[in-house]
Amino acid sequence: MSEEISKSALEEKLARNLRRIMSRETQDAFKNKAWDGKAWRPSRLSDNLLIQSSALLNNTLHTAQGSQVLVYCGLPYATIHNEGGSIPITARMRRYFWARFIESKGREEHWRAMALTKKKSIHIPQRQFTGISKQTDKAFEEIADKEIKNTDFMKGFKLRLNID
């Protein structure tokens, strides 16, 4: 069953399909605590880091606009977790670490250690939860092949022969 479709309509349809794939894979990343077959590095603070409140998952939105897929997350820590990197330790952070240590009544020694550390930054390992993975690429390729096979690109053309 072939259908007539313009190039831009096909691109938009493919972008909507890619958005669905990426959204599903983001949910799977949080469920499996892994991305593209690679497990997230465990945290010393919590076994359920990034999952505990579900805020990161619930605030990650995939939208298709024209032929593009946009990923948006309004949480300030989303990028550092998705890409990894270092963040500076500020005086405000040190006060927070002390407050958490006091709140734990001295039982959670790691908060004290973080408040007293001489380090100037904290390394956050990459715990990717969205983007293009090998699975995304493969699933999208299958859908794109199917869409292209079901599209009649010649239907809109008319042939006119002038034979003398």
C-alpha atoms as a PDB file:
ATOM      1  CA  MET A   1       0.000   0.000   0.000  1.00  0.00           C
ATOM      2  CA  SER A   2       1.825   3.051  -1.244  1.00  0.00           C
ATOM      3  CA  GLU A   3       0.964   6.623  -0.443  1.00  0.00           C
ATOM      4  CA  GLU A   4       1.955   9.929  -1.920  1.00  0.00           C
ATOM      5  CA  ILE A   5       4.011  12.014   0.465  1.00  0.00           C
ATOM      6  CA  SER A   6       6.218  15.076   0.210  1.00  0.00           C
ATOM      7  CA  LYS A   7       9.828  15.129   1.371  1.00  0.00           C
ATOM      8  CA  SER A   8       9.065  17.443   4.292  1.00  0.00           C
ATOM      9  CA  ALA A   9       6.070  15.342   5.369  1.00  0.00           C
ATOM     10  CA  LEU A  10       8.257  12.228   5.316  1.00  0.00           C
ATOM     11  CA  GLU A  11      10.945  13.987   7.388  1.00  0.00           C
ATOM     12  CA  GLU A  12       8.319  15.125   9.921  1.00  0.00           C
ATOM     13  CA  LYS A  13       6.884  11.612  10.164  1.00  0.00           C
ATOM     14  CA  LEU A  14      10.370  10.165  10.689  1.00  0.00           C
ATOM     15  CA  ALA A  15      11.102  12.797  13.370  1.00  0.00           C
ATOM     16  CA  ARG A  16       7.907  11.816  15.228  1.00  0.00           C
ATOM     17  CA  ASN A  17       8.980   8.164  15.083  1.00  0.00           C
ATOM     18  CA  LEU A  18      12.471   9.065  16.345  1.00  0.00           C
ATOM     19  CA  ARG A  19      10.907  11.047  19.208  1.00  0.00           C
ATOM     20  CA  ARG A  20       8.927   7.973  20.267  1.00  0.00           C
ATOM     21  CA  ILE A  21      12.031   5.752  20.108  1.00  0.00           C
ATOM     22  CA  MET A  22      14.139   8.218  22.115  1.00  0.00           C
ATOM     23  CA  SER A  23      11.422   8.691  24.735  1.00  0.00           C
ATOM     24  CA  ARG A  24      11.064   4.923  25.196  1.00  0.00           C
ATOM     25  CA  GLU A  25      14.847   4.487  25.472  1.00  0.00           C
ATOM     26  CA  THR A  26      15.051   7.232  28.106  1.00  0.00           C
ATOM     27  CA  GLN A  27      12.454   5.372  30.185  1.00  0.00           C
ATOM     28  CA  ASP A  28      14.413   2.138  29.707  1.00  0.00           C
ATOM     29  CA  ALA A  29      17.637   3.859  30.813  1.00  0.00           C
ATOM     30  CA  PHE A  30      16.106   4.761  34.167  1.00  0.00           C
ATOM     31  CA  LYS A  31      14.521   1.321  34.529  1.00  0.00           C
ATOM     32  CA  ASN A  32      17.781  -0.537  33.757  1.00  0.00           C
ATOM     33  CA  LYS A  33      20.210   2.065  35.192  1.00  0.00           C
ATOM     34  CA  ALA A  34      22.164   1.788  31.938  1.00  0.00           C
ATOM     35  CA  TRP A  35      22.578   3.459  28.549  1.00  0.00           C
ATOM     36  CA  ASP A  36      23.454   1.724  25.309  1.00  0.00           C
ATOM     37  CA  GLY A  37      24.262  -1.504  27.175  1.00  0.00           C
ATOM     38  CA  LYS A  38      26.660   0.222  29.584  1.00  0.00           C
ATOM     39  CA  ALA A  39      25.616   0.290  33.257  1.00  0.00           C
ATOM     40  CA  TRP A  40      25.696   3.595  35.084  1.00  0.00           C
ATOM     41  CA  ARG A  41      28.580   3.910  37.510  1.00  0.00           C
ATOM     42  CA  PRO A  42      27.193   3.325  41.030  1.00  0.00           C
ATOM     43  CA  SER A  43      27.052   6.247  43.425  1.00  0.00           C
ATOM     44  CA  ARG A  44      28.473   6.120  46.936  1.00  0.00           C
ATOM     45  CA  LEU A  45      25.510   8.161  48.138  1.00  0.00           C
ATOM     46  CA  SER A  46      22.565   6.130  46.866  1.00  0.00           C
ATOM     47  CA  ASP A  47      21.751   3.002  44.897  1.00  0.00           C
ATOM     48  CA  ASN A  48      18.912   4.904  43.276  1.00  0.00           C
ATOM     49  CA  LEU A  49      20.638   8.120  42.282  1.00  0.00           C
ATOM     50  CA  LEU A  50      18.697   9.784  39.411  1.00  0.00           C
ATOM     51  CA  ILE A  51      15.726   7.507  40.141  1.00  0.00           C
ATOM     52  CA  GLN A  52      14.786   8.249  43.744  1.00  0.00           C
ATOM     53  CA  SER A  53      12.361  11.108  43.061  1.00  0.00           C
ATOM     54  CA  SER A  54      11.765  10.413  39.333  1.00  0.00           C
ATOM     55  CA  ALA A  55      12.145  14.164  38.791  1.00  0.00           C
ATOM     56  CA  LEU A  56      14.779  13.770  36.078  1.00  0.00           C
ATOM     57  CA  LEU A  57      12.750  11.194  34.146  1.00  0.00           C
ATOM     58  CA  ASN A  58       9.498  13.141  34.544  1.00  0.00           C
ATOM     59  CA  ASN A  59      11.095  16.412  33.406  1.00  0.00           C
ATOM     60  CA  THR A  60      12.856  15.043  30.315  1.00  0.00           C
ATOM     61  CA  LEU A  61      10.714  15.851  27.291  1.00  0.00           C
ATOM     62  CA  HIS A  62      11.270  14.747  23.701  1.00  0.00           C
ATOM     63  CA  THR A  63       9.436  16.776  21.056  1.00  0.00           C
ATOM     64  CA  ALA A  64       9.400  16.559  17.288  1.00  0.00           C
ATOM     65  CA  GLN A  65       9.433  19.944  15.549  1.00  0.00           C
ATOM     66  CA  GLY A  66       9.492  19.675  11.799  1.00  0.00           C
ATOM     67  CA  SER A  67      12.318  17.327  10.883  1.00  0.00           C
ATOM     68  CA  GLN A  68      14.107  17.683  14.238  1.00  0.00           C
ATOM     69  CA  VAL A  69      13.798  16.036  17.630  1.00  0.00           C
ATOM     70  CA  LEU A  70      14.428  18.339  20.578  1.00  0.00           C
ATOM     71  CA  VAL A  71      15.244  17.044  24.054  1.00  0.00           C
ATOM     72  CA  TYR A  72      14.469  19.393  26.920  1.00  0.00           C
ATOM     73  CA  CYS A  73      14.930  19.060  30.669  1.00  0.00           C
ATOM     74  CA  GLY A  74      14.529  22.099  32.891  1.00  0.00           C
ATOM     75  CA  LEU A  75      16.444  20.638  35.824  1.00  0.00           C
ATOM     76  CA  PRO A  76      19.843  22.273  36.376  1.00  0.00           C
ATOM     77  CA  TYR A  77      21.635  18.967  37.007  1.00  0.00           C
ATOM     78  CA  ALA A  78      20.354  17.127  33.902  1.00  0.00           C
ATOM     79  CA  THR A  79      23.253  17.989  31.585  1.00  0.00           C
ATOM     80  CA  ILE A  80      26.018  17.166  34.068  1.00  0.00           C
ATOM     81  CA  HIS A  81      24.544  13.710  34.686  1.00  0.00           C
ATOM     82  CA  ASN A  82      23.852  13.006  31.004  1.00  0.00           C
ATOM     83  CA  GLU A  83      27.313  14.128  29.836  1.00  0.00           C
ATOM     84  CA  GLY A  84      29.460  13.868  32.970  1.00  0.00           C
ATOM     85  CA  GLY A  85      32.015  16.461  34.055  1.00  0.00           C
ATOM     86  CA  SER A  86      33.216  18.461  37.037  1.00  0.00           C
ATOM     87  CA  ILE A  87      31.415  20.996  39.179  1.00  0.00           C
ATOM     88  CA  PRO A  88      33.167  23.463  41.502  1.00  0.00           C
ATOM     89  CA  ILE A  89      32.726  23.050  45.264  1.00  0.00           C
ATOM     90  CA  THR A  90      31.357  26.340  46.570  1.00  0.00           C
ATOM     91  CA  ALA A  91      31.050  27.683  50.109  1.00  0.00           C
ATOM     92  CA  ARG A  92      27.313  27.145  49.847  1.00  0.00           C
ATOM     93  CA  MET A  93      27.879  23.465  49.008  1.00  0.00           C
ATOM     94  CA  ARG A  94      30.192  23.065  51.998  1.00  0.00           C
ATOM     95  CA  ARG A  95      27.480  24.526  54.282  1.00  0.00           C
ATOM     96  CA  TYR A  96      24.994  22.064  52.767  1.00  0.00           C
ATOM     97  CA  PHE A  97      27.375  19.136  53.419  1.00  0.00           C
ATOM     98  CA  TRP A  98      27.753  20.259  57.061  1.00  0.00           C
ATOM     99  CA  ALA A  99      23.989  20.567  57.436  1.00  0.00           C
ATOM    100  CA  ARG A 100      23.483  17.037  56.084  1.00  0.00           C
ATOM    101  CA  PHE A 101      26.181  15.698  58.443  1.00  0.00           C
ATOM    102  CA  ILE A 102      24.523  17.377  61.444  1.00  0.00           C
ATOM    103  CA  GLU A 103      21.091  16.192  60.289  1.00  0.00           C
ATOM    104  CA  SER A 104      22.419  12.596  60.241  1.00  0.00           C
ATOM    105  CA  LYS A 105      23.618  13.089  63.854  1.00  0.00           C
ATOM    106  CA  GLY A 106      27.131  12.178  62.804  1.00  0.00           C
ATOM    107  CA  ARG A 107      26.182   8.786  61.360  1.00  0.00           C
ATOM    108  CA  GLU A 108      26.827   9.653  57.720  1.00  0.00           C
ATOM    109  CA  GLU A 109      30.547  10.427  57.763  1.00  0.00           C
ATOM    110  CA  HIS A 110      30.760  11.037  53.992  1.00  0.00           C
ATOM    111  CA  TRP A 111      28.950  14.395  54.463  1.00  0.00           C
ATOM    112  CA  ARG A 112      31.627  15.527  56.913  1.00  0.00           C
ATOM    113  CA  ALA A 113      34.360  14.374  54.543  1.00  0.00           C
ATOM    114  CA  MET A 114      32.781  16.333  51.697  1.00  0.00           C
ATOM    115  CA  ALA A 115      32.523  19.472  53.840  1.00  0.00           C
ATOM    116  CA  LEU A 116      36.202  19.235  54.838  1.00  0.00           C
ATOM    117  CA  THR A 117      37.686  18.142  51.509  1.00  0.00           C
ATOM    118  CA  LYS A 118      40.503  20.236  50.053  1.00  0.00           C
ATOM    119  CA  LYS A 119      39.273  19.487  46.533  1.00  0.00           C
ATOM    120  CA  LYS A 120      38.064  22.411  44.487  1.00  0.00           C
ATOM    121  CA  SER A 121      35.646  20.363  42.370  1.00  0.00           C
ATOM    122  CA  ILE A 122      33.588  17.185  42.315  1.00  0.00           C
ATOM    123  CA  HIS A 123      33.742  14.836  39.337  1.00  0.00           C
ATOM    124  CA  ILE A 124      30.312  13.624  38.235  1.00  0.00           C
ATOM    125  CA  PRO A 125      30.591  10.468  36.105  1.00  0.00           C
ATOM    126  CA  GLN A 126      28.476  10.240  32.983  1.00  0.00           C
ATOM    127  CA  ARG A 127      25.146   8.549  33.595  1.00  0.00           C
ATOM    128  CA  GLN A 128      23.613   9.086  30.189  1.00  0.00           C
ATOM    129  CA  PHE A 129      19.856   8.760  29.997  1.00  0.00           C
ATOM    130  CA  THR A 130      18.980  10.343  26.647  1.00  0.00           C
ATOM    131  CA  GLY A 131      20.476  10.802  23.207  1.00  0.00           C
ATOM    132  CA  ILE A 132      21.184   8.591  20.200  1.00  0.00           C
ATOM    133  CA  SER A 133      22.376   5.099  21.109  1.00  0.00           C
ATOM    134  CA  LYS A 134      23.157   2.112  18.905  1.00  0.00           C
ATOM    135  CA  GLN A 135      19.678   0.780  19.669  1.00  0.00           C
ATOM    136  CA  THR A 136      18.122   4.123  18.718  1.00  0.00           C
ATOM    137  CA  ASP A 137      20.016   4.125  15.450  1.00  0.00           C
ATOM    138  CA  LYS A 138      19.013   0.553  14.625  1.00  0.00           C
ATOM    139  CA  ALA A 139      15.328   1.033  15.519  1.00  0.00           C
ATOM    140  CA  PHE A 140      15.160   4.295  13.561  1.00  0.00           C
ATOM    141  CA  GLU A 141      16.836   2.719  10.527  1.00  0.00           C
ATOM    142  CA  GLU A 142      14.218  -0.060  10.491  1.00  0.00           C
ATOM    143  CA  ILE A 143      11.339   2.416  10.701  1.00  0.00           C
ATOM    144  CA  ALA A 144      12.879   4.706   8.069  1.00  0.00           C
ATOM    145  CA  ASP A 145      13.379   1.775   5.671  1.00  0.00           C
ATOM    146  CA  LYS A 146       9.762   0.719   6.171  1.00  0.00           C
ATOM    147  CA  GLU A 147       8.453   4.265   5.619  1.00  0.00           C
ATOM    148  CA  ILE A 148      10.538   4.760   2.485  1.00  0.00           C
ATOM    149  CA  LYS A 149       9.459   1.387   1.038  1.00  0.00           C
ATOM    150  CA  ASN A 150       5.802   2.307   1.600  1.00  0.00           C
ATOM    151  CA  THR A 151       6.146   5.687  -0.084  1.00  0.00           C
ATOM    152  CA  ASP A 152       5.427   6.128  -3.777  1.00  0.00           C
ATOM    153  CA  PHE A 153       7.775   8.902  -4.847  1.00  0.00           C
ATOM    154  CA  MET A 154       6.711   8.710  -8.495  1.00  0.00           C
ATOM    155  CA  LYS A 155       2.975   9.101  -7.901  1.00  0.00           C
ATOM    156  CA  GLY A 156       3.051  12.883  -8.121  1.00  0.00           C
ATOM    157  CA  PHE A 157       4.937  12.941 -11.431  1.00  0.00           C
ATOM    158  CA  LYS A 158       3.227  12.981 -14.804  1.00  0.00           C
ATOM    159  CA  LEU A 159       4.836  11.750 -17.934  1.00  0.00           C
ATOM    160  CA  ARG A 160       4.160  13.534 -21.160  1.00  0.00           C
ATOM    161  CA  LEU A 161       5.465  12.140 -24.384  1.00  0.00           C
ATOM    162  CA  ASN A 162       5.667  14.113 -27.576  1.00  0.00           C
ATOM    163  CA  ILE A 163       6.226  11.706 -30.392  1.00  0.00           C
ATOM    164  CA  ASP A 164       6.343  13.146 -33.867  1.00  0.00           C
END
